[in-house]
C-alpha atoms as a PDB file:
ATOM      1  CA  MET A   1       0.000   0.000   0.000  1.00  0.00           C
ATOM      2  CA  ALA A   2       1.215   3.487  -0.864  1.00  0.00           C
ATOM      3  CA  LYS A   3       0.079   6.891   0.333  1.00  0.00           C
ATOM      4  CA  LEU A   4      -0.413   9.944  -1.867  1.00  0.00           C
ATOM      5  CA  GLN A   5       0.562  13.328  -0.445  1.00  0.00           C
ATOM      6  CA  THR A   6      -2.412  15.703  -0.616  1.00  0.00           C
ATOM      7  CA  GLN A   7      -3.604  18.866   1.109  1.00  0.00           C
ATOM      8  CA  ILE A   8      -6.971  19.239   2.841  1.00  0.00           C
ATOM      9  CA  VAL A   9      -8.320  22.507   1.468  1.00  0.00           C
ATOM     10  CA  ARG A  10     -12.024  22.490   2.460  1.00  0.00           C
ATOM     11  CA  PHE A  11     -14.206  21.083   5.217  1.00  0.00           C
ATOM     12  CA  PHE A  12     -17.931  20.706   4.570  1.00  0.00           C
ATOM     13  CA  ALA A  13     -20.895  19.817   6.776  1.00  0.00           C
ATOM     14  CA  PHE A  14     -21.400  16.135   7.593  1.00  0.00           C
ATOM     15  CA  ASP A  15     -17.625  15.551   7.912  1.00  0.00           C
ATOM     16  CA  VAL A  16     -16.808  15.819   4.191  1.00  0.00           C
ATOM     17  CA  ILE A  17     -13.420  17.158   3.115  1.00  0.00           C
ATOM     18  CA  ASP A  18     -11.716  18.112  -0.136  1.00  0.00           C
ATOM     19  CA  CYS A  19      -8.086  17.087  -0.620  1.00  0.00           C
ATOM     20  CA  GLU A  20      -6.087  18.395  -3.564  1.00  0.00           C
ATOM     21  CA  PHE A  21      -2.943  17.309  -5.380  1.00  0.00           C
ATOM     22  CA  VAL A  22      -1.314  18.084  -8.724  1.00  0.00           C
ATOM     23  CA  ASP A  23      -0.548  15.215 -11.126  1.00  0.00           C
ATOM     24  CA  ALA A  24       2.615  14.800 -13.223  1.00  0.00           C
ATOM     25  CA  ASP A  25       1.073  16.877 -16.040  1.00  0.00           C
ATOM     26  CA  GLY A  26       0.280  19.800 -13.726  1.00  0.00           C
ATOM     27  CA  HIS A  27      -3.478  19.085 -13.506  1.00  0.00           C
ATOM     28  CA  LEU A  28      -5.095  19.875 -10.132  1.00  0.00           C
ATOM     29  CA  HIS A  29      -7.273  17.039  -8.791  1.00  0.00           C
ATOM     30  CA  THR A  30      -9.721  17.148  -5.888  1.00  0.00           C
ATOM     31  CA  LEU A  31     -10.596  14.071  -3.860  1.00  0.00           C
ATOM     32  CA  ARG A  32     -13.844  14.529  -1.904  1.00  0.00           C
ATOM     33  CA  ASP A  33     -15.099  12.092   0.708  1.00  0.00           C
ATOM     34  CA  LYS A  34     -16.042  11.705   4.346  1.00  0.00           C
ATOM     35  CA  VAL A  35     -13.302  12.111   6.928  1.00  0.00           C
ATOM     36  CA  PRO A  36     -13.457   8.453   8.132  1.00  0.00           C
ATOM     37  CA  VAL A  37     -12.897   7.228   4.554  1.00  0.00           C
ATOM     38  CA  LEU A  38      -9.820   9.415   4.010  1.00  0.00           C
ATOM     39  CA  THR A  39      -8.196   9.249   7.437  1.00  0.00           C
ATOM     40  CA  VAL A  40      -8.377   7.756  10.916  1.00  0.00           C
ATOM     41  CA  GLU A  41      -7.580  11.199  12.336  1.00  0.00           C
ATOM     42  CA  TRP A  42     -10.339  13.018  14.174  1.00  0.00           C
ATOM     43  CA  LEU A  43     -10.999  16.185  12.170  1.00  0.00           C
ATOM     44  CA  ASP A  44     -13.679  18.841  12.356  1.00  0.00           C
ATOM     45  CA  GLU A  45     -14.364  22.289  10.939  1.00  0.00           C
ATOM     46  CA  SER A  46     -11.951  23.905  13.428  1.00  0.00           C
ATOM     47  CA  ILE A  47      -8.823  22.481  11.715  1.00  0.00           C
ATOM     48  CA  ASP A  48      -6.339  24.898  10.182  1.00  0.00           C
ATOM     49  CA  LEU A  49      -6.322  24.708   6.377  1.00  0.00           C
ATOM     50  CA  PRO A  50      -4.558  23.798   4.220  1.00  0.00           C
ATOM     51  CA  ARG A  51      -3.424  20.692   6.089  1.00  0.00           C
ATOM     52  CA  PRO A  52      -1.374  17.776   4.721  1.00  0.00           C
ATOM     53  CA  LEU A  53      -3.091  14.402   4.415  1.00  0.00           C
ATOM     54  CA  LEU A  54      -1.790  11.070   3.126  1.00  0.00           C
ATOM     55  CA  VAL A  55      -4.406   9.177   1.094  1.00  0.00           C
ATOM     56  CA  ASP A  56      -4.184   5.405   0.602  1.00  0.00           C
ATOM     57  CA  CYS A  57      -3.583   4.245  -2.959  1.00  0.00           C
ATOM     58  CA  VAL A  58      -2.200   1.324  -4.954  1.00  0.00           C
ATOM     59  CA  VAL A  59       0.773   1.519  -7.333  1.00  0.00           C
ATOM     60  CA  LEU A  60      -0.149   0.155 -10.776  1.00  0.00           C
ATOM     61  CA  ALA A  61       3.022   0.943 -12.780  1.00  0.00           C
ATOM     62  CA  GLN A  62       6.304   2.852 -12.566  1.00  0.00           C
ATOM     63  CA  TRP A  63       8.591   4.268 -15.251  1.00  0.00           C
ATOM     64  CA  GLN A  64      10.971   7.081 -16.113  1.00  0.00           C
ATOM     65  CA  ASP A  65       9.863   9.648 -18.683  1.00  0.00           C
ATOM     66  CA  GLU A  66      12.031  11.344 -21.340  1.00  0.00           C
ATOM     67  CA  GLN A  67      12.799  14.221 -18.924  1.00  0.00           C
ATOM     68  CA  GLY A  68      14.156  11.720 -16.382  1.00  0.00           C
ATOM     69  CA  ARG A  69      11.226  12.029 -13.965  1.00  0.00           C
ATOM     70  CA  GLN A  70      10.213   8.912 -12.042  1.00  0.00           C
ATOM     71  CA  LEU A  71       6.482   8.551 -12.716  1.00  0.00           C
ATOM     72  CA  VAL A  72       3.941   6.281 -11.053  1.00  0.00           C
ATOM     73  CA  ARG A  73       0.412   5.336 -12.126  1.00  0.00           C
ATOM     74  CA  ILE A  74      -1.703   4.976  -8.981  1.00  0.00           C
ATOM     75  CA  SER A  75      -5.264   4.016  -8.174  1.00  0.00           C
ATOM     76  CA  THR A  76      -7.277   5.480  -5.307  1.00  0.00           C
ATOM     77  CA  ALA A  77     -10.074   2.994  -6.018  1.00  0.00           C
ATOM     78  CA  GLU A  78      -8.419   0.554  -3.626  1.00  0.00           C
ATOM     79  CA  PRO A  79      -8.886   0.050  -0.808  1.00  0.00           C
ATOM     80  CA  TYR A  80     -11.733   2.555  -0.199  1.00  0.00           C
ATOM     81  CA  TRP A  81     -13.029   3.512  -3.677  1.00  0.00           C
ATOM     82  CA  ILE A  82     -11.973   7.150  -3.507  1.00  0.00           C
ATOM     83  CA  GLU A  83     -12.615   9.169  -6.683  1.00  0.00           C
ATOM     84  CA  SER A  84     -11.893  12.710  -7.741  1.00  0.00           C
ATOM     85  CA  THR A  85     -14.622  15.256  -8.314  1.00  0.00           C
ATOM     86  CA  GLU A  86     -14.104  14.403 -12.018  1.00  0.00           C
ATOM     87  CA  ASP A  87     -14.926  10.707 -11.312  1.00  0.00           C
ATOM     88  CA  LEU A  88     -11.296   9.623 -11.771  1.00  0.00           C
ATOM     89  CA  SER A  89      -9.504   7.068  -9.618  1.00  0.00           C
ATOM     90  CA  GLU A  90      -6.299   6.540 -11.649  1.00  0.00           C
ATOM     91  CA  PHE A  91      -3.620   9.200 -11.812  1.00  0.00           C
ATOM     92  CA  VAL A  92      -0.005   9.595 -12.931  1.00  0.00           C
ATOM     93  CA  VAL A  93       2.088  11.354 -10.305  1.00  0.00           C
ATOM     94  CA  GLU A  94       5.771  11.851  -9.637  1.00  0.00           C
ATOM     95  CA  ALA A  95       7.281   9.230  -7.324  1.00  0.00           C
ATOM     96  CA  THR A  96       8.217  11.968  -4.862  1.00  0.00           C
ATOM     97  CA  GLN A  97       4.493  12.504  -4.181  1.00  0.00           C
ATOM     98  CA  LEU A  98       4.163   9.026  -2.696  1.00  0.00           C
ATOM     99  CA  GLN A  99       5.060   7.514   0.626  1.00  0.00           C
ATOM    100  CA  ILE A 100       5.610   3.770   0.609  1.00  0.00           C
ATOM    101  CA  GLY A 101       6.233   1.796   3.773  1.00  0.00           C
ATOM    102  CA  GLY A 102       6.975   4.884   5.849  1.00  0.00           C
ATOM    103  CA  ASP A 103       9.616   6.226   3.419  1.00  0.00           C
ATOM    104  CA  CYS A 104       9.177   8.657   0.568  1.00  0.00           C
ATOM    105  CA  ALA A 105       9.427   6.976  -2.837  1.00  0.00           C
END
């Protein structure tokens, strides 16, 4: 299991939060779900924003692009079926945006 580095940017009623990250192509993505789906931390509307949050994901593939960047295709569909506000669950990010086994990739 890997973890994607995101930032909590909004807190809504009913314990829903928005987390954002930028993919390898510079596209901003927003993951929106209930707090207990995204984290075991206790969070409420009094938290200071933005706030870092690691989101569980699965590594599907890894490669190096022509600019020498280490890229990773990830899925947020496992284990908790997290999708972006654009209904996406697969993303290509730079390896440095992931944490695997307690270490940064």
